[in-house]
Amino acid sequence: MNGFERRRELKKTNILEAALTLFVKYGVQKVSVAEIAKEANVSQVTIYNYFQSKDNLVSEVIIYYV
């Protein structure tokens, strides 16, 4: 894995962890993509580039958590 791939995976993990934290604290419906982006220190566009939609992000968070 080169440096680019490593940074990409780290960023994806940071997004998943931020989303998980917020979902547990406030619930999936109450958390916006903007709040997840702020918590993960990335832009909303980055989240959509990685996950395409909030629904896909929720699915990935569940898989990540399990």
Protein backbone atom coordinates (compact mmCIF):
# COMPACT_ATOMS: atom_id res chain seq x y z
CA MET A 1 0.00 0.00 0.00
CA ASN A 2 1.51 3.31 -1.03
CA GLY A 3 1.20 6.60 0.85
CA PHE A 4 -1.86 7.78 -1.10
CA GLU A 5 -3.79 4.58 -0.41
CA ARG A 6 -2.80 4.68 3.25
CA ARG A 7 -4.02 8.29 3.64
CA ARG A 8 -7.24 7.41 1.81
CA GLU A 9 -7.94 4.50 4.15
CA LEU A 10 -7.09 6.63 7.20
CA LYS A 11 -9.49 9.35 6.04
CA LYS A 12 -12.24 6.78 5.43
CA THR A 13 -11.69 5.32 8.90
CA ASN A 14 -11.83 8.79 10.46
CA ILE A 15 -15.15 9.45 8.73
CA LEU A 16 -16.58 6.11 9.88
CA GLU A 17 -15.49 6.69 13.47
CA ALA A 18 -16.86 10.24 13.52
CA ALA A 19 -20.18 9.06 12.07
CA LEU A 20 -20.40 6.19 14.55
CA THR A 21 -19.76 8.52 17.48
CA LEU A 22 -22.42 10.98 16.34
CA PHE A 23 -24.96 8.28 15.45
CA VAL A 24 -24.63 6.69 18.89
CA LYS A 25 -24.88 10.05 20.64
CA TYR A 26 -27.74 11.66 18.64
CA GLY A 27 -29.27 8.99 16.40
CA VAL A 28 -28.93 8.52 12.66
CA GLN A 29 -31.87 10.76 11.71
CA LYS A 30 -30.66 13.75 13.74
CA VAL A 31 -27.08 13.80 12.40
CA SER A 32 -26.33 15.62 9.15
CA VAL A 33 -23.50 14.97 6.72
CA ALA A 34 -22.21 18.46 7.55
CA GLU A 35 -21.90 17.51 11.23
CA ILE A 36 -20.07 14.30 10.35
CA ALA A 37 -17.73 16.24 8.07
CA LYS A 38 -16.97 18.74 10.82
CA GLU A 39 -16.31 15.98 13.36
CA ALA A 40 -14.01 14.11 10.92
CA ASN A 41 -12.24 17.30 9.76
CA VAL A 42 -13.11 16.71 6.10
CA SER A 43 -15.44 18.39 3.62
CA GLN A 44 -18.93 17.15 2.82
CA VAL A 45 -17.75 16.51 -0.72
CA THR A 46 -15.12 14.11 0.62
CA ILE A 47 -17.81 12.12 2.42
CA TYR A 48 -19.88 11.92 -0.77
CA ASN A 49 -16.77 10.90 -2.75
CA TYR A 50 -16.18 8.00 -0.37
CA PHE A 51 -19.77 6.91 0.32
CA GLN A 52 -22.04 8.51 -2.38
CA SER A 53 -24.92 9.06 0.09
CA LYS A 54 -25.77 9.19 3.78
CA ASP A 55 -27.59 5.85 3.43
CA ASN A 56 -24.42 4.19 2.13
CA LEU A 57 -22.45 5.80 4.95
CA VAL A 58 -24.90 4.41 7.52
CA SER A 59 -24.52 0.92 6.00
CA GLU A 60 -20.73 1.19 6.06
CA VAL A 61 -20.78 2.38 9.68
CA ILE A 62 -22.83 -0.67 10.67
CA ILE A 63 -20.40 -3.00 8.88
CA TYR A 64 -17.44 -1.16 10.43
CA TYR A 65 -18.95 -1.40 13.91
CA VAL A 66 -19.74 -5.11 13.62
